[in-house]
Protein backbone atom coordinates (compact mmCIF):
# COMPACT_ATOMS: atom_id res chain seq x y z
CA MET A 1 0.41 -3.95 25.36
CA SER A 2 3.70 -4.05 27.27
CA PHE A 3 5.11 -6.75 25.01
CA PHE A 4 3.95 -4.83 21.93
CA ASN A 5 6.01 -1.82 23.00
CA VAL A 6 9.05 -4.01 23.63
CA HIS A 7 9.05 -5.55 20.16
CA ASP A 8 7.09 -3.15 17.95
CA GLY A 9 6.76 0.18 19.78
CA LEU A 10 9.55 1.94 17.87
CA GLY A 11 8.01 1.20 14.49
CA GLU A 12 4.56 2.36 15.58
CA ALA A 13 6.11 5.58 16.93
CA PHE A 14 7.69 6.18 13.51
CA ALA A 15 4.30 5.64 11.85
CA ARG A 16 2.52 8.09 14.15
CA ASN A 17 5.21 10.71 13.57
CA PHE A 18 4.78 10.06 9.84
CA ARG A 19 1.06 10.87 10.21
CA ARG A 20 2.02 14.14 11.87
CA GLY A 21 3.90 15.22 8.72
CA LEU A 22 0.90 14.85 6.38
CA LEU A 23 -0.27 18.02 4.68
CA LYS A 24 -3.05 19.87 6.49
CA ALA A 25 -5.78 22.18 5.21
CA GLU A 26 -3.58 25.27 5.51
CA ASP A 27 -0.78 23.50 3.64
CA TYR A 28 -3.09 22.69 0.72
CA GLN A 29 -4.19 26.30 0.69
CA ALA A 30 -0.56 27.36 0.39
CA LEU A 31 -0.02 24.92 -2.50
CA SER A 32 -3.18 26.16 -4.23
CA ASN A 33 -1.84 29.72 -4.09
CA CYS A 34 1.31 28.79 -6.01
CA GLU A 35 1.61 30.33 -9.46
CA THR A 36 4.39 28.11 -10.83
CA LEU A 37 5.91 24.68 -10.19
CA ASP A 38 8.94 26.43 -8.69
CA ASP A 39 6.61 28.00 -6.11
CA LEU A 40 5.16 24.54 -5.46
CA LYS A 41 8.65 23.16 -4.87
CA VAL A 42 9.42 25.88 -2.33
CA ALA A 43 6.16 25.23 -0.49
CA LEU A 44 6.80 21.47 -0.30
CA CYS A 45 10.37 21.94 0.89
CA ASN A 46 9.38 24.41 3.60
CA SER A 47 9.37 22.70 6.99
CA GLY A 48 6.59 24.37 8.93
CA ASN A 49 6.41 24.62 12.70
CA THR A 50 3.74 23.03 14.81
CA PRO A 51 1.28 25.43 16.48
CA PHE A 52 2.27 24.13 19.92
CA GLN A 53 6.03 23.82 19.69
CA ASN A 54 7.81 26.38 17.55
CA ASP A 55 11.18 24.66 17.90
CA ASP A 56 9.79 21.35 16.58
CA PRO A 57 9.53 21.72 12.77
CA ARG A 58 7.06 19.53 10.90
CA ASP A 59 8.81 17.92 7.93
CA PHE A 60 6.67 16.86 4.95
CA GLY A 61 9.37 14.36 3.94
CA TYR A 62 9.94 15.74 0.43
CA LYS A 63 12.75 18.28 0.87
CA ASP A 64 15.71 15.94 0.28
CA PHE A 65 14.09 14.42 -2.82
CA LEU A 66 12.99 17.69 -4.46
CA GLU A 67 16.27 19.51 -3.92
CA ASP A 68 17.55 18.82 -7.45
CA TRP A 69 14.15 19.03 -9.18
CA GLU A 70 14.24 21.85 -11.74
CA PRO A 71 10.78 22.05 -13.38
CA GLU A 72 11.69 24.98 -15.63
CA MET A 73 14.54 22.98 -17.18
CA ASN A 74 12.21 20.16 -18.29
CA ARG A 75 8.70 21.53 -18.54
CA GLU A 76 7.29 18.62 -20.54
CA GLY A 77 8.49 15.97 -18.09
CA ALA A 78 8.31 18.06 -14.92
CA ILE A 79 5.14 16.52 -13.46
CA PRO A 80 6.09 12.85 -14.10
CA GLU A 81 9.46 13.62 -12.53
CA LEU A 82 7.72 15.25 -9.56
CA GLU A 83 5.55 12.16 -9.07
CA ARG A 84 8.60 9.91 -9.23
CA LEU A 85 10.45 11.98 -6.62
CA LEU A 86 7.46 12.15 -4.28
CA ASN A 87 7.10 8.38 -4.47
CA SER A 88 10.82 8.05 -3.77
CA GLY A 89 10.14 9.84 -0.49
CA LEU A 90 7.36 7.36 0.25
CA CYS A 91 9.71 4.44 -0.45
CA ALA A 92 12.31 5.94 1.85
CA GLN A 93 9.73 6.10 4.62
CA TYR A 94 8.84 2.46 4.02
CA GLU A 95 12.52 1.55 4.28
CA GLU A 96 12.68 3.32 7.64
CA TYR A 97 9.75 1.22 8.82
CA ARG A 98 11.21 -2.01 7.54
CA SER A 99 14.77 -1.50 8.75
CA ASN A 100 13.45 -1.18 12.31
CA ALA A 101 10.97 -4.06 12.08
CA VAL A 102 11.31 -7.62 13.34
CA GLY A 103 9.10 -10.68 13.52
CA GLN A 104 5.44 -10.24 12.65
CA GLN A 105 5.83 -6.50 12.03
CA LYS A 106 8.44 -7.17 9.35
CA LYS A 107 6.21 -9.81 7.75
CA PHE A 108 3.28 -7.37 7.82
CA LEU A 109 5.32 -4.73 6.01
CA GLU A 110 6.34 -7.27 3.37
CA PHE A 111 2.68 -8.17 2.84
CA ILE A 112 1.97 -4.51 2.05
CA THR A 113 4.47 -4.54 -0.83
CA HIS A 114 3.01 -7.69 -2.42
CA GLU A 115 0.11 -5.72 -3.91
CA TYR A 116 2.51 -3.35 -5.67
CA ARG A 117 4.66 -6.20 -6.95
CA ILE A 118 1.63 -7.95 -8.40
CA HIS A 119 0.70 -4.69 -10.15
CA ASN A 120 4.16 -4.43 -11.68
CA ILE A 121 4.21 -8.01 -12.92
CA MET A 122 0.75 -7.69 -14.46
CA LEU A 123 1.78 -4.39 -16.05
CA LEU A 124 4.75 -6.06 -17.69
CA MET A 125 2.73 -9.09 -18.79
CA LYS A 126 0.21 -6.80 -20.48
CA ALA A 127 3.01 -4.80 -22.08
CA ALA A 128 4.60 -8.02 -23.35
CA VAL A 129 1.35 -9.21 -24.92
CA ARG A 130 0.64 -5.78 -26.35
CA LYS A 131 4.15 -5.67 -27.82
CA SER A 132 3.70 -9.08 -29.39
CA GLN A 133 0.44 -8.12 -30.99
CA HIS A 134 2.21 -5.27 -32.74
CA GLU A 135 5.16 -6.04 -34.93
CA ILE A 136 7.92 -7.45 -32.71
CA GLN A 137 10.17 -7.48 -35.74
CA SER A 138 10.15 -3.67 -35.74
CA GLY A 139 12.61 -3.66 -32.85
CA GLU A 140 12.57 -2.80 -29.17
CA MET A 141 10.01 -0.62 -27.44
CA SER A 142 10.01 3.02 -28.36
CA MET A 143 11.17 5.61 -25.86
CA GLU A 144 7.57 6.80 -25.51
CA GLU A 145 6.39 3.30 -24.60
CA LYS A 146 9.23 2.83 -22.10
CA THR A 147 8.47 6.19 -20.49
CA ARG A 148 4.79 5.28 -20.15
CA LEU A 149 5.74 1.94 -18.63
CA PHE A 150 8.13 3.48 -16.13
CA ASN A 151 5.52 6.03 -15.07
CA GLU A 152 2.99 3.26 -14.36
CA ILE A 153 5.37 1.07 -12.34
CA GLN A 154 4.76 1.19 -8.59
CA ARG A 155 8.06 1.97 -6.91
CA LEU A 156 7.07 0.21 -3.68
CA GLY A 157 6.87 -2.96 -5.75
CA LEU A 158 10.44 -2.85 -7.05
CA TYR A 159 13.04 -5.32 -5.89
CA SER A 160 16.13 -7.01 -7.15
CA GLN A 161 15.68 -10.66 -8.00
CA TRP A 162 18.90 -11.98 -6.47
CA GLU A 163 20.11 -9.21 -4.17
CA GLU A 164 18.58 -7.66 -1.06
CA GLU A 165 15.14 -6.21 -1.61
CA ILE A 166 15.43 -2.42 -1.68
CA PRO A 167 12.56 -0.59 -3.42
CA LEU A 168 14.80 2.35 -4.34
CA ASN A 169 17.55 0.40 -6.06
CA LYS A 170 18.04 0.48 -9.82
CA GLY A 171 18.36 -3.29 -9.87
CA GLY A 172 14.61 -3.62 -9.47
CA LEU A 173 13.98 -1.82 -12.75
CA ASP A 174 16.73 -3.80 -14.47
CA VAL A 175 15.15 -7.10 -13.48
CA LEU A 176 11.72 -6.03 -14.70
CA LEU A 177 13.03 -4.71 -17.99
CA THR A 178 15.15 -7.81 -18.61
CA SER A 179 12.08 -9.98 -18.11
CA LEU A 180 10.06 -7.77 -20.44
CA GLN A 181 12.76 -7.91 -23.11
CA MET A 182 12.83 -11.71 -22.94
CA ALA A 183 9.06 -11.76 -23.39
CA ALA A 184 9.19 -9.25 -26.25
CA GLU A 185 11.55 -11.51 -28.20
CA SER A 186 8.96 -14.31 -28.26
CA SER A 187 7.06 -15.07 -31.44
CA SER A 188 3.49 -14.68 -30.17
CA ALA A 189 1.41 -13.04 -27.47
CA THR A 190 0.87 -16.41 -25.78
CA GLU A 191 4.57 -17.27 -25.74
CA ALA A 192 5.39 -13.76 -24.52
CA ALA A 193 3.16 -14.11 -21.48
CA HIS A 194 4.45 -17.66 -20.95
CA GLU A 195 8.02 -16.32 -20.87
CA MET A 196 7.00 -13.78 -18.25
CA ILE A 197 5.62 -16.55 -16.09
CA GLU A 198 8.43 -19.07 -16.50
CA ASN A 199 11.32 -16.62 -16.16
CA PHE A 200 9.98 -14.14 -13.65
CA VAL A 201 6.82 -15.05 -11.78
CA TYR A 202 7.54 -18.69 -11.06
CA ASN A 203 11.04 -18.01 -9.71
CA ASN A 204 10.12 -15.07 -7.51
CA GLU A 205 8.76 -15.64 -4.05
CA PRO A 206 6.80 -14.66 -2.11
CA ILE A 207 4.28 -13.55 -4.76
CA GLY A 208 5.11 -16.13 -7.40
CA ARG A 209 2.88 -18.69 -5.73
CA TYR A 210 -0.16 -16.42 -6.13
CA PHE A 211 0.18 -16.83 -9.88
CA MET A 212 0.97 -20.53 -9.84
CA GLU A 213 -1.47 -21.77 -7.19
CA GLY A 214 -5.07 -22.45 -8.04
CA TYR A 215 -7.90 -20.93 -6.03
CA GLY A 216 -11.61 -21.62 -5.67
CA ASP A 217 -12.82 -23.35 -8.83
CA ASP A 218 -9.21 -23.45 -9.99
CA ASP A 219 -7.91 -25.63 -7.14
CA ASP A 220 -4.99 -27.91 -8.01
CA SER A 221 -4.29 -26.01 -11.19
CA GLU A 222 -2.22 -22.99 -12.14
CA ILE A 223 -4.10 -19.68 -12.32
CA VAL A 224 -1.91 -18.65 -15.22
CA LYS A 225 -0.66 -20.94 -17.97
CA GLY A 226 0.85 -19.83 -21.23
CA ASP A 227 -1.39 -22.02 -23.37
CA ASP A 228 -4.73 -20.69 -22.12
CA LEU A 229 -4.16 -16.94 -22.10
CA ARG A 230 -6.06 -16.59 -25.36
CA GLU A 231 -9.22 -17.72 -23.57
CA ARG A 232 -8.62 -16.01 -20.23
CA SER A 233 -7.97 -12.28 -20.22
CA LEU A 234 -5.11 -10.87 -18.19
CA ASP A 235 -7.61 -8.73 -16.27
CA MET A 236 -9.23 -11.94 -15.05
CA VAL A 237 -5.81 -13.34 -14.15
CA GLU A 238 -5.02 -10.19 -12.17
CA GLY A 239 -8.32 -10.45 -10.29
CA LEU A 240 -7.69 -14.09 -9.36
CA VAL A 241 -4.16 -13.34 -8.19
CA LEU A 242 -5.29 -10.36 -6.09
CA ARG A 243 -8.04 -12.48 -4.55
CA LYS A 244 -5.42 -14.97 -3.39
CA TYR A 245 -3.20 -12.18 -2.07
CA TYR A 246 -5.95 -10.43 -0.10
CA GLN A 247 -7.13 -13.74 1.38
CA ASP A 248 -3.57 -14.50 2.49
CA PHE A 249 -3.09 -11.01 3.96
CA TYR A 250 -6.45 -11.17 5.76
CA ASP A 251 -5.69 -14.58 7.29
CA PHE A 252 -2.29 -13.34 8.48
CA CYS A 253 -3.69 -10.18 10.11
CA VAL A 254 -6.85 -11.65 11.66
CA LYS A 255 -5.86 -15.23 12.47
CA GLU A 256 -2.10 -15.09 13.00
CA VAL A 257 -1.46 -11.61 14.46
CA GLY A 258 -4.93 -10.99 15.91
CA GLY A 259 -5.53 -8.46 18.69
CA THR A 260 -6.05 -4.83 17.75
CA THR A 261 -4.17 -5.39 14.49
CA GLY A 262 -6.70 -8.05 13.55
CA VAL A 263 -9.67 -5.81 14.38
CA VAL A 264 -8.34 -2.77 12.49
CA MET A 265 -7.09 -4.66 9.44
CA GLN A 266 -10.26 -6.74 9.26
CA GLU A 267 -12.28 -3.57 8.71
CA LEU A 268 -9.81 -2.13 6.18
CA LEU A 269 -9.45 -5.32 4.15
CA GLU A 270 -13.17 -6.11 4.22
CA PHE A 271 -13.83 -2.65 2.83
CA GLU A 272 -11.27 -3.29 0.10
CA ALA A 273 -12.95 -6.58 -0.83
CA ASP A 274 -16.40 -4.94 -0.89
CA ARG A 275 -15.17 -1.92 -2.82
CA ARG A 276 -13.66 -4.08 -5.54
CA ALA A 277 -16.85 -6.15 -5.85
CA ILE A 278 -19.07 -3.06 -6.05
CA ILE A 279 -16.85 -1.23 -8.57
CA ARG A 280 -16.67 -4.40 -10.66
CA ALA A 281 -20.47 -4.73 -10.64
CA ASN A 282 -20.88 -1.02 -11.38
CA ASN A 283 -18.52 -1.17 -14.36
CA ASN A 284 -20.21 -4.34 -15.54
CA ALA A 285 -23.62 -2.63 -15.45
CA LEU A 286 -22.25 0.19 -17.59
CA THR A 287 -20.81 -2.24 -20.15
CA SER A 288 -22.69 -3.23 -23.28
CA SER A 289 -24.37 -6.63 -23.18
CA GLY A 290 -21.76 -8.41 -25.28
CA GLY A 291 -18.86 -7.42 -23.03
CA LYS A 292 -20.38 -8.12 -19.61
CA MET A 293 -18.67 -10.44 -17.14
CA ASP A 294 -21.03 -13.22 -16.08
CA LYS A 295 -22.02 -13.76 -12.44
CA VAL A 296 -19.87 -16.84 -11.99
CA ASP A 297 -16.69 -15.05 -13.10
CA GLN A 298 -17.49 -12.04 -10.92
CA LYS A 299 -17.89 -14.23 -7.84
CA LYS A 300 -14.59 -16.01 -8.56
CA LEU A 301 -12.80 -12.72 -7.91
CA ASN A 302 -14.25 -12.23 -4.40
CA PRO A 303 -12.35 -13.51 -1.35
CA ASP A 304 -13.95 -15.42 1.52
CA PHE A 305 -14.36 -12.30 3.65
CA GLY A 306 -16.02 -8.89 3.39
CA GLY A 307 -19.06 -7.06 4.71
CA LEU A 308 -21.02 -8.22 1.67
CA ASN A 309 -20.15 -11.81 2.56
CA TYR A 310 -21.65 -11.96 6.06
CA CYS A 311 -25.05 -13.30 4.95
CA PHE A 312 -23.64 -16.54 3.56
CA GLY A 313 -22.23 -14.69 0.57
CA GLU A 314 -25.64 -13.29 -0.33
CA GLY A 315 -24.28 -9.76 -0.71
CA PHE A 316 -21.58 -10.74 -3.19
CA ASP A 317 -24.11 -12.84 -5.08
CA THR A 318 -26.63 -9.99 -5.26
CA ILE A 319 -24.02 -7.45 -6.34
CA ALA A 320 -22.85 -9.77 -9.11
CA GLN A 321 -26.43 -10.31 -10.30
CA LEU A 322 -27.18 -6.57 -10.29
CA GLY A 323 -24.02 -6.02 -12.31
CA MET A 324 -25.46 -8.22 -15.03
CA GLU A 325 -28.53 -6.00 -15.42
CA GLU A 326 -28.82 -2.87 -17.52
CA GLY A 327 -27.97 0.39 -15.78
CA THR A 328 -26.80 1.04 -12.24
CA ASP A 329 -29.98 2.32 -10.55
CA ASP A 330 -30.92 -1.05 -9.03
CA LEU A 331 -27.39 -1.51 -7.70
CA TYR A 332 -27.41 1.92 -6.06
CA ARG A 333 -30.87 1.38 -4.56
CA TRP A 334 -29.80 -1.93 -3.05
CA LEU A 335 -26.76 -0.35 -1.40
CA GLN A 336 -28.85 2.54 -0.03
CA ASP A 337 -31.59 0.28 1.34
CA ALA A 338 -31.35 0.32 5.16
CA ASP A 339 -32.62 -3.28 5.34
CA HIS A 340 -29.33 -4.55 3.90
CA GLY A 341 -27.13 -2.79 6.45
CA PHE A 342 -25.00 -0.72 4.07
CA ALA A 343 -27.00 2.53 3.95
CA LYS A 344 -24.59 4.37 6.31
CA THR A 345 -21.46 3.11 4.58
CA TYR A 346 -21.63 2.26 0.88
CA GLY A 347 -25.05 3.89 0.57
CA ALA A 348 -23.49 7.09 1.93
CA CYS A 349 -20.86 6.82 -0.82
CA ILE A 350 -23.65 6.70 -3.40
CA GLU A 351 -25.22 9.82 -1.86
CA LEU A 352 -21.88 11.63 -1.89
CA MET A 353 -21.39 10.70 -5.57
CA HIS A 354 -24.78 12.21 -6.46
CA LYS A 355 -24.07 15.26 -4.31
CA ASP A 356 -20.72 15.96 -6.02
CA GLY A 357 -22.38 15.86 -9.45
CA GLU A 358 -21.15 14.63 -12.79
CA ASP A 359 -17.51 15.56 -12.08
CA SER A 360 -17.44 12.74 -9.53
CA GLY A 361 -17.87 8.99 -9.82
CA LEU A 362 -18.33 6.02 -7.51
CA GLU A 363 -14.59 5.35 -7.30
CA GLU A 364 -13.93 8.93 -6.15
CA ALA A 365 -16.55 8.55 -3.41
CA PHE A 366 -14.97 5.28 -2.28
CA ILE A 367 -11.56 6.97 -2.14
CA LYS A 368 -12.93 9.56 0.29
CA TYR A 369 -14.56 6.84 2.39
CA ALA A 370 -11.33 4.80 2.40
CA CYS A 371 -9.32 7.82 3.58
CA ARG A 372 -11.75 8.22 6.48
CA LEU A 373 -11.18 4.58 7.48
CA TYR A 374 -7.42 5.07 7.29
CA GLU A 375 -7.69 8.17 9.48
CA LEU A 376 -9.73 6.28 12.09
CA ALA A 377 -7.04 3.58 12.25
CA PHE A 378 -4.84 6.05 14.13
CA ASP A 379 -7.42 6.28 16.94
CA GLU A 380 -6.49 2.74 18.07
CA GLN A 381 -3.25 1.96 19.89
CA PHE A 382 -0.69 -0.87 19.70
CA HIS A 383 -1.31 -2.30 16.24
CA PHE A 384 0.29 -2.65 12.80
CA GLY A 385 -2.62 -1.08 10.92
CA VAL A 386 -1.02 2.37 11.26
CA PHE A 387 1.66 1.31 8.74
CA TYR A 388 -0.93 0.30 6.16
CA ALA A 389 -3.14 3.34 6.82
CA GLY A 390 -0.20 5.76 6.85
CA LEU A 391 1.16 4.57 3.50
CA LYS A 392 -2.29 4.71 1.88
CA LEU A 393 -2.84 8.25 3.17
CA LYS A 394 0.58 9.31 1.90
CA GLU A 395 -0.28 7.89 -1.52
CA GLN A 396 -3.44 9.99 -1.56
CA GLU A 397 -1.42 13.05 -0.52
CA ILE A 398 0.89 12.48 -3.50
CA LYS A 399 -2.13 12.21 -5.82
CA ASN A 400 -3.41 15.50 -4.36
CA ILE A 401 -0.08 17.22 -5.03
CA ILE A 402 0.14 15.91 -8.59
CA TRP A 403 -3.40 17.12 -9.30
CA ILE A 404 -2.54 20.58 -7.96
CA ALA A 405 0.63 20.63 -10.09
CA ASP A 406 -1.40 19.67 -13.18
CA MET A 407 -3.90 22.45 -12.57
CA ILE A 408 -1.11 25.00 -12.08
CA VAL A 409 0.52 24.00 -15.39
CA GLN A 410 -2.81 24.07 -17.24
CA ASN A 411 -3.72 27.41 -15.63
CA MET A 412 -6.93 25.89 -14.24
CA LYS A 413 -6.45 26.49 -10.53
CA GLN A 414 -10.20 26.97 -10.10
CA ASN A 415 -10.56 23.18 -10.47
CA ILE A 416 -8.10 22.26 -7.72
CA ASP A 417 -10.75 21.57 -5.08
CA LYS A 418 -12.64 19.17 -7.35
CA ARG A 419 -10.14 16.32 -6.97
CA VAL A 420 -8.17 17.07 -3.82
CA VAL A 421 -9.13 14.80 -0.91
CA PRO A 422 -8.24 16.58 2.36
CA LEU A 423 -6.80 14.32 5.06
CA PHE A 424 -7.84 14.57 8.72
CA PRO A 425 -10.28 17.44 8.02
CA GLU A 426 -12.03 19.21 10.87
CA LYS A 427 -15.42 18.22 9.45
CA PRO A 428 -15.11 14.80 7.75
CA GLU A 429 -17.68 13.82 5.13
CA PHE A 430 -18.08 10.39 6.77
CA VAL A 431 -18.55 10.24 10.55
């Protein structure tokens, strides 16, 4: 513990102070009372005082980024602009973490960004293929398509290809767009995706290897090759790449760092692996027979860890099989069965989904459960998991704010509570 404070104590202190600035129940109530987006801006820029120390203001971290936001001047694009600015604040916080990190803590923070970078590359590959399938000869992407693409790009996954990696810099967007343009000029969807791989993925470490290395049944072969994309969907490619990433991240946290970081991150990453497998099986069960993913392909996307994997992989195997069957009732019953050990975790998510009614779904229940796990990560001391948990909670806070802003614009404030996930509530839904 002493050595942790010497090398990594400052960063952890930043993360715990970051947690202190998250919106509380009374803050969400104040946002819900806003009548216009201008009122919302004022509320988010207001640095409240803590109940114990009036001279120690609690900063939400958005004031500097929302200062020039004028929602009344651009009503149509006000909410996308708000989301971009809020995420800019999140990126700034990440930069504060990273600029004070060394050694394993710095490597841990880089691992966090890999997921966002993979998302961005896959987004551009899909856009390149989609562009090729439409008439490339018609010219470059329309402004509407570019705007949609920019709104879907994860800002934590931006970086410049040849200069220092700064998520906020414009160079990151330039590199991505240049790669997309090169792909769009190709003559076919296959060649477009191939260009993305050859000119962007292959030459960009550290995530390039996740695309080029084989894994599982694909050992000693590339996961992605331009000449086989017609047979293998990009969604499958994304799943294989993410499997490799999560396995790498898990091995780093549990085997290389170890200690409290290993214990905390093991629980968080095992939940992520299980959640993805269950959601995949659930979606598969809801898909018509012709479009179902077979059990072998489902299992290819699961890493070598996870709560469902403890019984020699039996849980992953069962989930995949249930996903092949019609309907979701059998899947839900299996998760709620106390004999399988998941009744108080994933079974509780099923119960919450049924309790919330038709406005809720399984993914929404998992989001609430995940937030509870992230909150509990702050109960442990001297570990890197607070960075991961803090960023995930901040992302959920941004989603909450955007939902509130949407409801204010649509004059449907009565629906605000349906999608807002309160953080660190006095009475959590999962104990």
